[in-house]
Amino acid sequence: MSDYDWRRRFRGEDSRVPNESHPSPEEVHIEQLEVFTVIGVLEHERKGLQRLTVSISFRPNERAQDLADNIEKAVNYSAVAEETKRFAREQAVNLIETLADRLAAHLLKTFPIQKVTIEVRKFALPDAKYVSATVTRSACIS
């Protein structure tokens, strides 16, 4: 490791090195969860439920080392997935950005997590694999 790299790590600039300002560096990730919702600007898009995928990364309030391998202390990712599907099903929005933002706020209020990143993918363009919007939100700490 070069002297420059060592100095960066010492100052906390290397994200691979845990930093005391981030008490819980562990994250849980749910990749491409299938959800159905009413979404879109165009009339034909809003006639029924559309299939989207949602990827969620969240940082629980509890550190992994404090969980003692006890599900009661952990954020149950299955519950997060089910709540995400339920929430999406109850929405009717124009934009994937809006859905991502509302979902992030909802998960922060519903579960003991300090930070969440949501990526919503929509399969709307015939010549593209998908279109996505990503938001990251943190809980307000009082």
N, C-alpha and C. Protein backbone atom coordinates (compact mmCIF):
# COMPACT_ATOMS: atom_id res chain seq x y z
N MET A 1 0.85 -1.17 0.00
CA MET A 1 0.00 0.00 0.00
C MET A 1 0.89 1.23 0.00
N SER A 2 0.58 2.17 -0.87
CA SER A 2 1.39 3.39 -0.95
C SER A 2 1.14 4.28 0.25
N ASP A 3 2.04 5.21 0.46
CA ASP A 3 1.91 6.18 1.54
C ASP A 3 0.62 6.99 1.37
N TYR A 4 0.29 7.36 0.14
CA TYR A 4 -0.92 8.12 -0.17
C TYR A 4 -2.17 7.32 0.22
N ASP A 5 -2.22 6.02 -0.15
CA ASP A 5 -3.37 5.18 0.20
C ASP A 5 -3.51 5.03 1.70
N TRP A 6 -2.39 4.86 2.39
CA TRP A 6 -2.43 4.71 3.83
C TRP A 6 -2.99 5.97 4.48
N ARG A 7 -2.55 7.15 4.01
CA ARG A 7 -3.05 8.42 4.57
C ARG A 7 -4.54 8.58 4.32
N ARG A 8 -5.01 8.18 3.14
CA ARG A 8 -6.45 8.26 2.83
C ARG A 8 -7.24 7.37 3.77
N ARG A 9 -6.77 6.15 4.00
CA ARG A 9 -7.46 5.24 4.91
C ARG A 9 -7.47 5.80 6.33
N PHE A 10 -6.34 6.35 6.76
CA PHE A 10 -6.23 6.89 8.11
C PHE A 10 -7.24 8.01 8.31
N ARG A 11 -7.46 8.84 7.30
CA ARG A 11 -8.42 9.95 7.39
C ARG A 11 -9.85 9.50 7.13
N GLY A 12 -10.06 8.20 6.85
CA GLY A 12 -11.41 7.70 6.62
C GLY A 12 -11.93 7.93 5.22
N GLU A 13 -11.05 8.21 4.25
CA GLU A 13 -11.47 8.48 2.88
C GLU A 13 -11.66 7.21 2.07
N ASP A 14 -11.20 6.09 2.57
CA ASP A 14 -11.38 4.82 1.87
C ASP A 14 -12.63 4.17 2.43
N SER A 15 -13.68 4.03 1.61
CA SER A 15 -14.97 3.53 2.08
C SER A 15 -14.92 2.08 2.52
N ARG A 16 -13.85 1.36 2.18
CA ARG A 16 -13.75 -0.04 2.60
C ARG A 16 -13.35 -0.17 4.06
N VAL A 17 -12.89 0.93 4.65
CA VAL A 17 -12.45 0.90 6.04
C VAL A 17 -13.55 1.47 6.91
N PRO A 18 -14.02 0.72 7.92
CA PRO A 18 -15.07 1.24 8.80
C PRO A 18 -14.66 2.55 9.43
N ASN A 19 -15.61 3.44 9.59
CA ASN A 19 -15.37 4.76 10.14
C ASN A 19 -16.29 4.94 11.34
N GLU A 20 -15.79 5.49 12.42
CA GLU A 20 -16.58 5.65 13.63
C GLU A 20 -17.81 6.53 13.42
N SER A 21 -17.81 7.41 12.41
CA SER A 21 -18.98 8.24 12.17
C SER A 21 -20.12 7.44 11.58
N HIS A 22 -19.87 6.22 11.16
CA HIS A 22 -20.90 5.31 10.65
C HIS A 22 -20.96 4.11 11.60
N PRO A 23 -21.83 4.19 12.64
CA PRO A 23 -21.81 3.14 13.66
C PRO A 23 -22.22 1.77 13.16
N SER A 24 -22.92 1.69 12.03
CA SER A 24 -23.38 0.40 11.53
C SER A 24 -23.11 0.30 10.04
N PRO A 25 -21.91 -0.13 9.64
CA PRO A 25 -21.59 -0.16 8.22
C PRO A 25 -22.26 -1.31 7.46
N GLU A 26 -22.91 -2.23 8.17
CA GLU A 26 -23.53 -3.36 7.51
C GLU A 26 -24.79 -2.93 6.77
N GLU A 27 -25.02 -3.55 5.63
CA GLU A 27 -26.23 -3.30 4.87
C GLU A 27 -26.86 -4.61 4.46
N VAL A 28 -28.17 -4.55 4.29
CA VAL A 28 -28.94 -5.67 3.76
C VAL A 28 -29.42 -5.23 2.39
N HIS A 29 -29.36 -6.14 1.42
CA HIS A 29 -29.72 -5.79 0.05
C HIS A 29 -30.75 -6.78 -0.48
N ILE A 30 -31.83 -6.25 -1.03
CA ILE A 30 -32.84 -7.06 -1.71
C ILE A 30 -32.78 -6.66 -3.18
N GLU A 31 -32.49 -7.58 -4.05
CA GLU A 31 -32.24 -7.29 -5.46
C GLU A 31 -33.45 -7.63 -6.33
N GLN A 32 -33.95 -6.64 -7.06
CA GLN A 32 -34.99 -6.78 -8.09
C GLN A 32 -36.23 -7.53 -7.60
N LEU A 33 -36.80 -7.03 -6.52
CA LEU A 33 -38.06 -7.54 -6.02
C LEU A 33 -39.17 -7.16 -7.00
N GLU A 34 -39.97 -8.11 -7.40
CA GLU A 34 -41.04 -7.85 -8.36
C GLU A 34 -42.24 -7.26 -7.63
N VAL A 35 -42.71 -6.09 -8.11
CA VAL A 35 -43.88 -5.43 -7.55
C VAL A 35 -44.81 -5.03 -8.69
N PHE A 36 -46.07 -4.77 -8.33
CA PHE A 36 -47.05 -4.36 -9.33
C PHE A 36 -47.76 -3.11 -8.82
N THR A 37 -47.90 -2.12 -9.71
CA THR A 37 -48.49 -0.86 -9.31
C THR A 37 -49.07 -0.14 -10.53
N VAL A 38 -49.91 0.85 -10.25
CA VAL A 38 -50.39 1.75 -11.31
C VAL A 38 -49.39 2.88 -11.39
N ILE A 39 -48.76 3.01 -12.56
CA ILE A 39 -47.72 4.03 -12.71
C ILE A 39 -47.63 4.44 -14.16
N GLY A 40 -47.36 5.73 -14.38
CA GLY A 40 -47.16 6.22 -15.73
C GLY A 40 -47.88 7.53 -15.97
N VAL A 41 -47.43 8.22 -16.98
CA VAL A 41 -48.01 9.50 -17.36
C VAL A 41 -49.09 9.29 -18.43
N LEU A 42 -48.84 8.35 -19.32
CA LEU A 42 -49.76 8.12 -20.43
C LEU A 42 -50.99 7.32 -19.99
N GLU A 43 -52.12 7.61 -20.61
CA GLU A 43 -53.39 6.97 -20.23
C GLU A 43 -53.32 5.44 -20.32
N HIS A 44 -52.72 4.93 -21.40
CA HIS A 44 -52.67 3.47 -21.54
C HIS A 44 -51.82 2.81 -20.44
N GLU A 45 -50.86 3.55 -19.88
CA GLU A 45 -50.03 3.00 -18.80
C GLU A 45 -50.82 2.85 -17.50
N ARG A 46 -51.82 3.69 -17.32
CA ARG A 46 -52.54 3.76 -16.05
C ARG A 46 -53.80 2.89 -16.02
N LYS A 47 -54.00 2.08 -17.07
CA LYS A 47 -55.22 1.26 -17.14
C LYS A 47 -55.17 0.03 -16.25
N GLY A 48 -54.01 -0.35 -15.82
CA GLY A 48 -53.90 -1.54 -14.97
C GLY A 48 -52.56 -1.54 -14.26
N LEU A 49 -52.32 -2.61 -13.55
CA LEU A 49 -51.06 -2.75 -12.82
C LEU A 49 -49.91 -3.02 -13.78
N GLN A 50 -48.79 -2.39 -13.54
CA GLN A 50 -47.57 -2.65 -14.30
C GLN A 50 -46.56 -3.36 -13.41
N ARG A 51 -45.76 -4.20 -14.03
CA ARG A 51 -44.67 -4.89 -13.33
C ARG A 51 -43.45 -3.97 -13.29
N LEU A 52 -42.92 -3.81 -12.10
CA LEU A 52 -41.67 -3.09 -11.87
C LEU A 52 -40.78 -4.00 -11.03
N THR A 53 -39.51 -3.66 -10.96
CA THR A 53 -38.67 -4.30 -9.94
C THR A 53 -38.10 -3.21 -9.05
N VAL A 54 -37.92 -3.57 -7.80
CA VAL A 54 -37.40 -2.66 -6.80
C VAL A 54 -36.20 -3.32 -6.13
N SER A 55 -35.09 -2.62 -6.10
CA SER A 55 -33.93 -3.07 -5.33
C SER A 55 -33.80 -2.16 -4.12
N ILE A 56 -33.55 -2.78 -2.97
CA ILE A 56 -33.51 -2.06 -1.70
C ILE A 56 -32.21 -2.40 -0.99
N SER A 57 -31.48 -1.38 -0.57
CA SER A 57 -30.35 -1.56 0.34
C SER A 57 -30.66 -0.75 1.58
N PHE A 58 -30.56 -1.38 2.75
CA PHE A 58 -30.83 -0.62 3.96
C PHE A 58 -29.80 -0.93 5.03
N ARG A 59 -29.58 0.06 5.85
CA ARG A 59 -28.66 -0.06 6.97
C ARG A 59 -29.49 -0.07 8.26
N PRO A 60 -29.56 -1.22 8.92
CA PRO A 60 -30.35 -1.31 10.16
C PRO A 60 -29.74 -0.45 11.27
N ASN A 61 -30.57 -0.10 12.24
CA ASN A 61 -30.07 0.65 13.40
C ASN A 61 -29.10 -0.20 14.23
N GLU A 62 -29.37 -1.50 14.32
CA GLU A 62 -28.52 -2.41 15.09
C GLU A 62 -27.35 -2.89 14.24
N ARG A 63 -26.18 -2.95 14.84
CA ARG A 63 -25.02 -3.51 14.16
C ARG A 63 -25.13 -5.04 14.16
N ALA A 64 -24.59 -5.67 13.14
CA ALA A 64 -24.65 -7.13 13.04
C ALA A 64 -24.07 -7.81 14.27
N GLN A 65 -22.99 -7.29 14.78
CA GLN A 65 -22.35 -7.91 15.94
C GLN A 65 -23.21 -7.82 17.20
N ASP A 66 -24.20 -6.90 17.23
CA ASP A 66 -25.08 -6.76 18.39
C ASP A 66 -26.34 -7.60 18.29
N LEU A 67 -26.55 -8.28 17.17
CA LEU A 67 -27.78 -9.04 16.97
C LEU A 67 -27.78 -10.38 17.70
N ALA A 68 -26.62 -10.90 18.03
CA ALA A 68 -26.48 -12.19 18.71
C ALA A 68 -27.23 -13.29 17.94
N ASP A 69 -27.23 -13.19 16.62
CA ASP A 69 -27.86 -14.18 15.75
C ASP A 69 -29.33 -14.39 16.11
N ASN A 70 -30.01 -13.31 16.52
CA ASN A 70 -31.40 -13.37 16.98
C ASN A 70 -32.28 -12.59 16.00
N ILE A 71 -33.20 -13.27 15.32
CA ILE A 71 -34.09 -12.64 14.34
C ILE A 71 -34.94 -11.55 14.99
N GLU A 72 -35.26 -11.68 16.26
CA GLU A 72 -36.08 -10.68 16.95
C GLU A 72 -35.38 -9.32 17.04
N LYS A 73 -34.06 -9.31 16.99
CA LYS A 73 -33.30 -8.07 17.06
C LYS A 73 -33.00 -7.50 15.67
N ALA A 74 -33.18 -8.31 14.64
CA ALA A 74 -32.82 -7.91 13.27
C ALA A 74 -34.01 -7.29 12.56
N VAL A 75 -33.72 -6.57 11.48
CA VAL A 75 -34.77 -6.12 10.57
C VAL A 75 -35.04 -7.30 9.64
N ASN A 76 -36.24 -7.81 9.68
CA ASN A 76 -36.61 -8.99 8.91
C ASN A 76 -36.76 -8.59 7.43
N TYR A 77 -35.84 -9.02 6.59
CA TYR A 77 -35.87 -8.61 5.18
C TYR A 77 -37.10 -9.15 4.46
N SER A 78 -37.65 -10.25 4.94
CA SER A 78 -38.89 -10.77 4.35
C SER A 78 -40.04 -9.80 4.61
N ALA A 79 -40.09 -9.24 5.81
CA ALA A 79 -41.12 -8.25 6.14
C ALA A 79 -40.93 -6.98 5.32
N VAL A 80 -39.69 -6.58 5.10
CA VAL A 80 -39.41 -5.41 4.26
C VAL A 80 -39.90 -5.66 2.84
N ALA A 81 -39.64 -6.85 2.31
CA ALA A 81 -40.08 -7.19 0.95
C ALA A 81 -41.60 -7.19 0.85
N GLU A 82 -42.27 -7.82 1.80
CA GLU A 82 -43.74 -7.88 1.76
C GLU A 82 -44.34 -6.48 1.90
N GLU A 83 -43.79 -5.67 2.77
CA GLU A 83 -44.29 -4.30 2.94
C GLU A 83 -44.06 -3.48 1.68
N THR A 84 -42.95 -3.71 1.01
CA THR A 84 -42.66 -3.01 -0.25
C THR A 84 -43.69 -3.38 -1.30
N LYS A 85 -44.00 -4.65 -1.43
CA LYS A 85 -44.99 -5.10 -2.41
C LYS A 85 -46.37 -4.52 -2.09
N ARG A 86 -46.74 -4.55 -0.82
CA ARG A 86 -48.05 -4.01 -0.41
C ARG A 86 -48.11 -2.51 -0.69
N PHE A 87 -47.07 -1.79 -0.32
CA PHE A 87 -47.03 -0.34 -0.51
C PHE A 87 -47.14 0.01 -1.99
N ALA A 88 -46.37 -0.65 -2.83
CA ALA A 88 -46.39 -0.38 -4.28
C ALA A 88 -47.77 -0.64 -4.86
N ARG A 89 -48.40 -1.72 -4.45
CA ARG A 89 -49.72 -2.09 -4.96
C ARG A 89 -50.76 -1.01 -4.66
N GLU A 90 -50.59 -0.30 -3.55
CA GLU A 90 -51.56 0.72 -3.13
C GLU A 90 -51.28 2.10 -3.71
N GLN A 91 -50.22 2.24 -4.47
CA GLN A 91 -49.87 3.54 -5.05
C GLN A 91 -50.47 3.70 -6.45
N ALA A 92 -50.63 4.96 -6.84
CA ALA A 92 -51.00 5.32 -8.21
C ALA A 92 -50.29 6.64 -8.48
N VAL A 93 -49.11 6.55 -9.11
CA VAL A 93 -48.28 7.73 -9.34
C VAL A 93 -47.89 7.83 -10.80
N ASN A 94 -47.41 8.99 -11.18
CA ASN A 94 -46.95 9.21 -12.55
C ASN A 94 -45.51 8.75 -12.76
N LEU A 95 -44.65 9.03 -11.79
CA LEU A 95 -43.21 8.89 -11.99
C LEU A 95 -42.59 7.81 -11.11
N ILE A 96 -41.59 7.11 -11.65
CA ILE A 96 -40.85 6.15 -10.85
C ILE A 96 -40.05 6.87 -9.76
N GLU A 97 -39.65 8.10 -10.01
CA GLU A 97 -38.93 8.89 -9.01
C GLU A 97 -39.82 9.10 -7.77
N THR A 98 -41.11 9.39 -8.01
CA THR A 98 -42.05 9.59 -6.92
C THR A 98 -42.23 8.32 -6.12
N LEU A 99 -42.39 7.21 -6.81
CA LEU A 99 -42.56 5.93 -6.12
C LEU A 99 -41.33 5.61 -5.28
N ALA A 100 -40.14 5.80 -5.82
CA ALA A 100 -38.90 5.52 -5.09
C ALA A 100 -38.81 6.40 -3.84
N ASP A 101 -39.12 7.67 -3.97
CA ASP A 101 -39.04 8.60 -2.84
C ASP A 101 -40.06 8.23 -1.76
N ARG A 102 -41.30 7.97 -2.15
CA ARG A 102 -42.33 7.62 -1.17
C ARG A 102 -42.02 6.30 -0.47
N LEU A 103 -41.53 5.34 -1.22
CA LEU A 103 -41.19 4.05 -0.63
C LEU A 103 -40.05 4.20 0.37
N ALA A 104 -39.04 4.97 0.03
CA ALA A 104 -37.92 5.19 0.95
C ALA A 104 -38.41 5.80 2.26
N ALA A 105 -39.24 6.83 2.17
CA ALA A 105 -39.78 7.48 3.37
C ALA A 105 -40.62 6.49 4.19
N HIS A 106 -41.42 5.70 3.50
CA HIS A 106 -42.27 4.73 4.18
C HIS A 106 -41.45 3.66 4.92
N LEU A 107 -40.43 3.13 4.29
CA LEU A 107 -39.60 2.11 4.94
C LEU A 107 -38.85 2.68 6.14
N LEU A 108 -38.40 3.92 6.04
CA LEU A 108 -37.71 4.55 7.17
C LEU A 108 -38.65 4.72 8.37
N LYS A 109 -39.93 5.00 8.10
CA LYS A 109 -40.90 5.15 9.18
C LYS A 109 -41.35 3.81 9.75
N THR A 110 -41.33 2.77 8.93
CA THR A 110 -41.92 1.49 9.31
C THR A 110 -40.94 0.55 10.00
N PHE A 111 -39.67 0.64 9.65
CA PHE A 111 -38.68 -0.30 10.17
C PHE A 111 -37.54 0.44 10.88
N PRO A 112 -36.85 -0.22 11.82
CA PRO A 112 -35.73 0.42 12.52
C PRO A 112 -34.46 0.42 11.65
N ILE A 113 -34.50 1.29 10.65
CA ILE A 113 -33.35 1.43 9.75
C ILE A 113 -32.92 2.89 9.73
N GLN A 114 -31.63 3.10 9.53
CA GLN A 114 -31.11 4.46 9.55
C GLN A 114 -30.89 5.04 8.16
N LYS A 115 -30.80 4.17 7.15
CA LYS A 115 -30.55 4.65 5.79
C LYS A 115 -31.08 3.63 4.81
N VAL A 116 -31.65 4.12 3.70
CA VAL A 116 -32.19 3.21 2.69
C VAL A 116 -31.92 3.78 1.30
N THR A 117 -31.59 2.90 0.39
CA THR A 117 -31.45 3.25 -1.02
C THR A 117 -32.44 2.39 -1.79
N ILE A 118 -33.23 3.05 -2.63
CA ILE A 118 -34.25 2.37 -3.42
C ILE A 118 -33.96 2.61 -4.89
N GLU A 119 -33.96 1.54 -5.68
CA GLU A 119 -33.90 1.66 -7.13
C GLU A 119 -35.17 1.03 -7.69
N VAL A 120 -35.94 1.83 -8.45
CA VAL A 120 -37.15 1.34 -9.10
C VAL A 120 -36.84 1.21 -10.59
N ARG A 121 -37.12 0.04 -11.14
CA ARG A 121 -36.92 -0.20 -12.57
C ARG A 121 -38.26 -0.39 -13.26
N LYS A 122 -38.41 0.30 -14.38
CA LYS A 122 -39.62 0.20 -15.19
C LYS A 122 -39.20 -0.27 -16.58
N PHE A 123 -40.00 -1.13 -17.17
CA PHE A 123 -39.67 -1.74 -18.46
C PHE A 123 -40.55 -1.09 -19.53
N ALA A 124 -40.27 0.18 -19.82
CA ALA A 124 -41.17 1.01 -20.62
C ALA A 124 -40.70 1.27 -22.05
N LEU A 125 -39.42 1.12 -22.30
CA LEU A 125 -38.89 1.44 -23.63
C LEU A 125 -38.56 0.15 -24.37
N PRO A 126 -39.08 -0.01 -25.58
CA PRO A 126 -38.85 -1.26 -26.31
C PRO A 126 -37.39 -1.49 -26.68
N ASP A 127 -36.62 -0.43 -26.79
CA ASP A 127 -35.22 -0.59 -27.20
C ASP A 127 -34.23 -0.41 -26.04
N ALA A 128 -34.74 -0.49 -24.81
CA ALA A 128 -33.87 -0.42 -23.62
C ALA A 128 -34.27 -1.53 -22.66
N LYS A 129 -33.29 -2.02 -21.93
CA LYS A 129 -33.56 -3.08 -20.97
C LYS A 129 -34.53 -2.59 -19.88
N TYR A 130 -34.27 -1.39 -19.36
CA TYR A 130 -35.15 -0.79 -18.36
C TYR A 130 -34.77 0.67 -18.19
N VAL A 131 -35.63 1.40 -17.49
CA VAL A 131 -35.37 2.77 -17.06
C VAL A 131 -35.44 2.72 -15.54
N SER A 132 -34.54 3.40 -14.85
CA SER A 132 -34.57 3.33 -13.40
C SER A 132 -34.40 4.69 -12.75
N ALA A 133 -34.86 4.77 -11.52
CA ALA A 133 -34.65 5.94 -10.67
C ALA A 133 -34.17 5.42 -9.33
N THR A 134 -33.19 6.11 -8.76
CA THR A 134 -32.59 5.69 -7.49
C THR A 134 -32.61 6.86 -6.52
N VAL A 135 -33.04 6.59 -5.29
CA VAL A 135 -33.00 7.60 -4.23
C VAL A 135 -32.34 6.98 -3.00
N THR A 136 -31.69 7.82 -2.22
CA THR A 136 -31.13 7.42 -0.93
C THR A 136 -31.65 8.39 0.11
N ARG A 137 -32.19 7.86 1.18
CA ARG A 137 -32.73 8.68 2.26
C ARG A 137 -32.22 8.15 3.59
N SER A 138 -32.08 9.07 4.54
CA SER A 138 -31.64 8.71 5.90
C SER A 138 -32.70 9.12 6.88
N ALA A 139 -32.76 8.39 7.99
CA ALA A 139 -33.71 8.72 9.06
C ALA A 139 -33.23 9.97 9.77
N CYS A 140 -34.18 10.76 10.23
CA CYS A 140 -33.86 11.93 11.04
C CYS A 140 -33.53 11.46 12.43
N ILE A 141 -32.35 11.82 12.88
CA ILE A 141 -31.91 11.41 14.22
C ILE A 141 -32.05 12.60 15.14
N SER A 142 -32.83 12.40 16.21
CA SER A 142 -33.07 13.52 17.13
C SER A 142 -32.22 13.42 18.37
